[in-house]
Amino acid sequence: MHLKPRDVLKAKGYSTGVGFEGAYAPKEIQSNKEAFDIIMEGITKAGYKPGEDFEIAIDVAASEFYNKDTSRYELKSEDKALSTEEWIELQKDWYSQYPIFSIGANLQMTLVLNIRL
């Protein structure tokens, strides 16, 4: 399965180098939605049915793009800076569109104590 997303990336002309934790990290991806769509296409091309045979686990690492000075989540590739509420709503949208069963670090850690999803 792990090679099918690479095939999708190659077909788009995207780089297929791997990032810090071993996942593909193409700089050409324009949005998080596009990344999810590539994963979904890879699942399908591998012969699996998303949501039935295969689900997605993500580690958001939100503290990596949370700006403490502005209290906003900065999605630089999408040119967005979201409030905590907007960030939660965007995540809810992803969870309704994609078979995500596990998430990690989806909020800046200092906020987790005060907010319930």
N, C-alpha and C. Protein backbone atom coordinates (compact mmCIF):
# COMPACT_ATOMS: atom_id res chain seq x y z
N MET A 1 0.82 -1.19 0.00
CA MET A 1 0.00 0.00 0.00
C MET A 1 0.87 1.26 0.00
N HIS A 2 1.96 1.27 0.73
CA HIS A 2 2.74 2.50 0.87
C HIS A 2 3.34 3.00 -0.43
N LEU A 3 3.41 2.16 -1.45
CA LEU A 3 3.98 2.59 -2.73
C LEU A 3 2.94 3.24 -3.64
N LYS A 4 1.67 2.98 -3.43
CA LYS A 4 0.64 3.53 -4.31
C LYS A 4 0.54 5.06 -4.23
N PRO A 5 0.58 5.66 -3.04
CA PRO A 5 0.58 7.13 -3.03
C PRO A 5 1.79 7.69 -3.79
N ARG A 6 2.93 6.99 -3.71
CA ARG A 6 4.11 7.43 -4.47
C ARG A 6 3.80 7.43 -5.96
N ASP A 7 3.10 6.39 -6.43
CA ASP A 7 2.73 6.33 -7.85
C ASP A 7 1.82 7.50 -8.23
N VAL A 8 0.90 7.85 -7.35
CA VAL A 8 0.01 8.99 -7.60
C VAL A 8 0.83 10.27 -7.67
N LEU A 9 1.76 10.43 -6.74
CA LEU A 9 2.62 11.63 -6.75
C LEU A 9 3.44 11.71 -8.02
N LYS A 10 4.02 10.58 -8.43
CA LYS A 10 4.82 10.57 -9.67
C LYS A 10 3.98 10.94 -10.88
N ALA A 11 2.75 10.43 -10.94
CA ALA A 11 1.87 10.72 -12.07
C ALA A 11 1.54 12.22 -12.13
N LYS A 12 1.52 12.89 -10.99
CA LYS A 12 1.26 14.33 -10.95
C LYS A 12 2.53 15.15 -11.19
N GLY A 13 3.68 14.47 -11.27
CA GLY A 13 4.94 15.16 -11.44
C GLY A 13 5.48 15.73 -10.14
N TYR A 14 5.01 15.22 -9.00
CA TYR A 14 5.43 15.70 -7.69
C TYR A 14 6.65 14.92 -7.22
N SER A 15 7.41 15.53 -6.33
CA SER A 15 8.57 14.85 -5.75
C SER A 15 8.10 13.73 -4.84
N THR A 16 8.95 12.73 -4.68
CA THR A 16 8.57 11.57 -3.85
C THR A 16 9.57 11.32 -2.72
N GLY A 17 10.28 12.37 -2.34
CA GLY A 17 11.18 12.24 -1.20
C GLY A 17 10.38 12.07 0.09
N VAL A 18 11.02 11.53 1.09
CA VAL A 18 10.34 11.33 2.36
C VAL A 18 10.79 12.37 3.38
N GLY A 19 9.88 12.70 4.27
CA GLY A 19 10.14 13.69 5.29
C GLY A 19 10.76 13.09 6.53
N PHE A 20 10.79 13.89 7.58
CA PHE A 20 11.45 13.56 8.83
C PHE A 20 10.99 12.22 9.42
N GLU A 21 9.71 11.94 9.39
CA GLU A 21 9.20 10.72 10.01
C GLU A 21 8.93 9.60 9.00
N GLY A 22 9.43 9.74 7.80
CA GLY A 22 9.32 8.67 6.82
C GLY A 22 8.14 8.74 5.88
N ALA A 23 7.33 9.76 5.98
CA ALA A 23 6.19 9.91 5.07
C ALA A 23 6.62 10.73 3.85
N TYR A 24 5.88 10.58 2.77
CA TYR A 24 6.15 11.40 1.59
C TYR A 24 5.94 12.87 1.95
N ALA A 25 6.79 13.72 1.41
CA ALA A 25 6.73 15.14 1.74
C ALA A 25 6.91 16.02 0.51
N PRO A 26 6.03 15.85 -0.50
CA PRO A 26 6.18 16.65 -1.72
C PRO A 26 5.86 18.12 -1.48
N LYS A 27 6.75 18.97 -1.90
CA LYS A 27 6.56 20.41 -1.73
C LYS A 27 5.48 20.96 -2.66
N GLU A 28 5.13 20.19 -3.67
CA GLU A 28 4.18 20.67 -4.68
C GLU A 28 2.72 20.63 -4.19
N ILE A 29 2.44 19.89 -3.16
CA ILE A 29 1.06 19.80 -2.67
C ILE A 29 0.60 21.19 -2.23
N GLN A 30 -0.58 21.56 -2.70
CA GLN A 30 -1.11 22.90 -2.45
C GLN A 30 -1.99 23.03 -1.21
N SER A 31 -2.50 21.90 -0.71
CA SER A 31 -3.42 21.99 0.43
C SER A 31 -3.47 20.65 1.17
N ASN A 32 -3.99 20.71 2.37
CA ASN A 32 -4.20 19.48 3.13
C ASN A 32 -5.23 18.59 2.45
N LYS A 33 -6.25 19.20 1.86
CA LYS A 33 -7.26 18.43 1.14
C LYS A 33 -6.61 17.65 -0.01
N GLU A 34 -5.72 18.29 -0.73
CA GLU A 34 -5.04 17.58 -1.82
C GLU A 34 -4.25 16.40 -1.27
N ALA A 35 -3.61 16.58 -0.13
CA ALA A 35 -2.86 15.47 0.48
C ALA A 35 -3.79 14.31 0.81
N PHE A 36 -4.95 14.62 1.41
CA PHE A 36 -5.91 13.56 1.72
C PHE A 36 -6.40 12.88 0.44
N ASP A 37 -6.65 13.67 -0.60
CA ASP A 37 -7.13 13.10 -1.86
C ASP A 37 -6.08 12.16 -2.47
N ILE A 38 -4.81 12.51 -2.36
CA ILE A 38 -3.74 11.65 -2.87
C ILE A 38 -3.70 10.34 -2.08
N ILE A 39 -3.84 10.44 -0.76
CA ILE A 39 -3.88 9.23 0.07
C ILE A 39 -5.06 8.35 -0.32
N MET A 40 -6.22 8.97 -0.51
CA MET A 40 -7.42 8.20 -0.90
C MET A 40 -7.23 7.52 -2.24
N GLU A 41 -6.63 8.23 -3.20
CA GLU A 41 -6.38 7.63 -4.51
C GLU A 41 -5.40 6.48 -4.38
N GLY A 42 -4.39 6.63 -3.54
CA GLY A 42 -3.43 5.55 -3.31
C GLY A 42 -4.10 4.32 -2.72
N ILE A 43 -5.00 4.53 -1.76
CA ILE A 43 -5.74 3.41 -1.16
C ILE A 43 -6.54 2.68 -2.22
N THR A 44 -7.23 3.45 -3.05
CA THR A 44 -8.06 2.85 -4.11
C THR A 44 -7.19 2.11 -5.13
N LYS A 45 -6.08 2.73 -5.54
CA LYS A 45 -5.20 2.09 -6.52
C LYS A 45 -4.56 0.81 -5.97
N ALA A 46 -4.46 0.72 -4.66
CA ALA A 46 -3.91 -0.49 -4.04
C ALA A 46 -4.97 -1.59 -3.96
N GLY A 47 -6.18 -1.29 -4.39
CA GLY A 47 -7.24 -2.29 -4.42
C GLY A 47 -8.09 -2.34 -3.15
N TYR A 48 -7.99 -1.31 -2.33
CA TYR A 48 -8.77 -1.26 -1.09
C TYR A 48 -9.91 -0.26 -1.22
N LYS A 49 -10.91 -0.44 -0.38
CA LYS A 49 -12.03 0.49 -0.31
C LYS A 49 -11.84 1.37 0.92
N PRO A 50 -11.63 2.67 0.69
CA PRO A 50 -11.47 3.58 1.83
C PRO A 50 -12.67 3.52 2.77
N GLY A 51 -12.39 3.43 4.05
CA GLY A 51 -13.46 3.37 5.04
C GLY A 51 -13.95 1.98 5.33
N GLU A 52 -13.73 1.05 4.41
CA GLU A 52 -14.11 -0.35 4.63
C GLU A 52 -12.87 -1.20 4.91
N ASP A 53 -11.94 -1.17 3.98
CA ASP A 53 -10.72 -1.97 4.11
C ASP A 53 -9.57 -1.19 4.73
N PHE A 54 -9.66 0.11 4.67
CA PHE A 54 -8.54 0.94 5.06
C PHE A 54 -9.05 2.23 5.68
N GLU A 55 -8.42 2.64 6.79
CA GLU A 55 -8.73 3.91 7.42
C GLU A 55 -7.43 4.68 7.61
N ILE A 56 -7.55 5.94 7.92
CA ILE A 56 -6.40 6.83 8.01
C ILE A 56 -6.17 7.26 9.46
N ALA A 57 -4.92 7.24 9.88
CA ALA A 57 -4.52 7.81 11.17
C ALA A 57 -3.58 8.96 10.86
N ILE A 58 -3.78 10.07 11.54
CA ILE A 58 -2.93 11.24 11.29
C ILE A 58 -2.38 11.79 12.60
N ASP A 59 -1.18 12.31 12.51
CA ASP A 59 -0.58 13.06 13.60
C ASP A 59 -0.45 14.48 13.09
N VAL A 60 -1.34 15.33 13.53
CA VAL A 60 -1.43 16.68 13.00
C VAL A 60 -0.22 17.54 13.37
N ALA A 61 0.32 17.35 14.55
CA ALA A 61 1.45 18.15 15.04
C ALA A 61 1.14 19.64 15.00
N ALA A 62 -0.04 20.00 15.49
CA ALA A 62 -0.54 21.37 15.41
C ALA A 62 0.39 22.38 16.07
N SER A 63 1.11 21.99 17.08
CA SER A 63 2.00 22.95 17.74
C SER A 63 3.11 23.43 16.81
N GLU A 64 3.35 22.70 15.73
CA GLU A 64 4.38 23.08 14.76
C GLU A 64 3.96 24.28 13.91
N PHE A 65 2.66 24.52 13.78
CA PHE A 65 2.21 25.64 12.95
C PHE A 65 1.26 26.58 13.69
N TYR A 66 1.24 26.45 15.00
CA TYR A 66 0.48 27.37 15.83
C TYR A 66 1.36 28.56 16.17
N ASN A 67 0.87 29.76 15.87
CA ASN A 67 1.61 30.98 16.15
C ASN A 67 1.15 31.52 17.50
N LYS A 68 2.01 31.43 18.50
CA LYS A 68 1.65 31.87 19.85
C LYS A 68 1.42 33.39 19.91
N ASP A 69 2.11 34.13 19.05
CA ASP A 69 1.96 35.59 19.06
C ASP A 69 0.58 36.03 18.56
N THR A 70 0.05 35.32 17.58
CA THR A 70 -1.25 35.69 17.01
C THR A 70 -2.38 34.78 17.47
N SER A 71 -2.03 33.68 18.16
CA SER A 71 -3.01 32.67 18.60
C SER A 71 -3.79 32.11 17.42
N ARG A 72 -3.06 31.85 16.32
CA ARG A 72 -3.70 31.32 15.11
C ARG A 72 -2.89 30.15 14.57
N TYR A 73 -3.61 29.26 13.90
CA TYR A 73 -2.98 28.13 13.22
C TYR A 73 -2.68 28.57 11.80
N GLU A 74 -1.41 28.58 11.44
CA GLU A 74 -0.98 29.11 10.15
C GLU A 74 -0.74 27.97 9.15
N LEU A 75 -1.64 27.86 8.19
CA LEU A 75 -1.52 26.88 7.12
C LEU A 75 -0.89 27.60 5.94
N LYS A 76 0.42 27.69 5.95
CA LYS A 76 1.14 28.54 4.99
C LYS A 76 0.93 28.13 3.55
N SER A 77 0.88 26.82 3.26
CA SER A 77 0.70 26.41 1.86
C SER A 77 -0.68 26.78 1.34
N GLU A 78 -1.63 27.00 2.26
CA GLU A 78 -2.98 27.39 1.87
C GLU A 78 -3.22 28.88 2.09
N ASP A 79 -2.21 29.58 2.59
CA ASP A 79 -2.29 31.01 2.88
C ASP A 79 -3.48 31.31 3.80
N LYS A 80 -3.57 30.53 4.90
CA LYS A 80 -4.65 30.70 5.87
C LYS A 80 -4.07 30.82 7.27
N ALA A 81 -4.72 31.63 8.08
CA ALA A 81 -4.41 31.73 9.50
C ALA A 81 -5.74 31.59 10.23
N LEU A 82 -5.91 30.49 10.93
CA LEU A 82 -7.21 30.14 11.51
C LEU A 82 -7.24 30.30 13.03
N SER A 83 -8.37 30.76 13.53
CA SER A 83 -8.59 30.77 14.97
C SER A 83 -8.75 29.32 15.42
N THR A 84 -8.75 29.10 16.71
CA THR A 84 -8.93 27.74 17.23
C THR A 84 -10.27 27.18 16.76
N GLU A 85 -11.31 27.97 16.81
CA GLU A 85 -12.63 27.50 16.39
C GLU A 85 -12.65 27.16 14.90
N GLU A 86 -12.03 28.00 14.08
CA GLU A 86 -11.96 27.73 12.64
C GLU A 86 -11.15 26.47 12.35
N TRP A 87 -10.06 26.28 13.10
CA TRP A 87 -9.21 25.10 12.94
C TRP A 87 -9.98 23.84 13.29
N ILE A 88 -10.75 23.88 14.36
CA ILE A 88 -11.57 22.72 14.75
C ILE A 88 -12.62 22.43 13.68
N GLU A 89 -13.25 23.46 13.15
CA GLU A 89 -14.26 23.27 12.10
C GLU A 89 -13.65 22.66 10.84
N LEU A 90 -12.47 23.10 10.47
CA LEU A 90 -11.79 22.53 9.31
C LEU A 90 -11.50 21.05 9.54
N GLN A 91 -11.05 20.71 10.73
CA GLN A 91 -10.78 19.31 11.04
C GLN A 91 -12.07 18.48 10.98
N LYS A 92 -13.15 19.01 11.52
CA LYS A 92 -14.44 18.31 11.46
C LYS A 92 -14.83 18.03 10.02
N ASP A 93 -14.57 19.00 9.15
CA ASP A 93 -14.87 18.83 7.73
C ASP A 93 -14.05 17.67 7.16
N TRP A 94 -12.75 17.61 7.49
CA TRP A 94 -11.91 16.50 7.02
C TRP A 94 -12.45 15.17 7.53
N TYR A 95 -12.82 15.14 8.82
CA TYR A 95 -13.27 13.88 9.42
C TYR A 95 -14.57 13.40 8.80
N SER A 96 -15.38 14.33 8.28
CA SER A 96 -16.62 13.92 7.63
C SER A 96 -16.39 13.46 6.19
N GLN A 97 -15.28 13.89 5.57
CA GLN A 97 -15.01 13.55 4.17
C GLN A 97 -14.11 12.35 3.99
N TYR A 98 -13.27 12.06 4.98
CA TYR A 98 -12.25 11.02 4.83
C TYR A 98 -12.37 10.03 5.98
N PRO A 99 -11.98 8.77 5.74
CA PRO A 99 -12.10 7.74 6.78
C PRO A 99 -10.97 7.83 7.81
N ILE A 100 -10.99 8.91 8.58
CA ILE A 100 -9.97 9.13 9.60
C ILE A 100 -10.47 8.52 10.90
N PHE A 101 -9.70 7.60 11.46
CA PHE A 101 -10.14 6.94 12.69
C PHE A 101 -9.28 7.32 13.89
N SER A 102 -8.15 7.94 13.65
CA SER A 102 -7.26 8.28 14.75
C SER A 102 -6.55 9.59 14.43
N ILE A 103 -6.52 10.48 15.43
CA ILE A 103 -5.81 11.74 15.27
C ILE A 103 -4.92 11.97 16.48
N GLY A 104 -3.84 12.65 16.24
CA GLY A 104 -2.94 12.99 17.34
C GLY A 104 -2.50 14.43 17.23
N ALA A 105 -2.32 15.07 18.35
CA ALA A 105 -1.78 16.43 18.42
C ALA A 105 -2.50 17.40 17.50
N ASN A 106 -3.84 17.39 17.57
CA ASN A 106 -4.61 18.24 16.66
C ASN A 106 -4.81 19.67 17.15
N LEU A 107 -4.37 19.97 18.38
CA LEU A 107 -4.45 21.33 18.90
C LEU A 107 -3.14 21.70 19.57
N GLN A 108 -2.88 23.00 19.65
CA GLN A 108 -1.74 23.48 20.42
C GLN A 108 -1.93 22.97 21.85
N MET A 109 -0.95 22.34 22.41
CA MET A 109 -1.10 21.63 23.69
C MET A 109 -1.62 22.51 24.82
N THR A 110 -1.32 23.77 24.88
CA THR A 110 -1.82 24.61 25.96
C THR A 110 -3.32 24.82 25.86
N LEU A 111 -3.89 24.58 24.67
CA LEU A 111 -5.33 24.77 24.48
C LEU A 111 -6.13 23.53 24.80
N VAL A 112 -5.52 22.38 24.76
CA VAL A 112 -6.23 21.12 24.92
C VAL A 112 -6.96 21.06 26.26
N LEU A 113 -6.41 21.63 27.27
CA LEU A 113 -7.02 21.59 28.60
C LEU A 113 -8.32 22.39 28.67
N ASN A 114 -8.50 23.35 27.77
CA ASN A 114 -9.65 24.23 27.84
C ASN A 114 -10.74 23.97 26.80
N ILE A 115 -10.49 23.10 25.84
CA ILE A 115 -11.42 22.90 24.73
C ILE A 115 -11.77 21.43 24.61
N ARG A 116 -13.05 21.18 24.39
CA ARG A 116 -13.50 19.82 24.13
C ARG A 116 -14.03 19.76 22.71
N LEU A 117 -13.62 18.75 21.96
CA LEU A 117 -14.13 18.61 20.58
C LEU A 117 -15.49 17.97 20.60
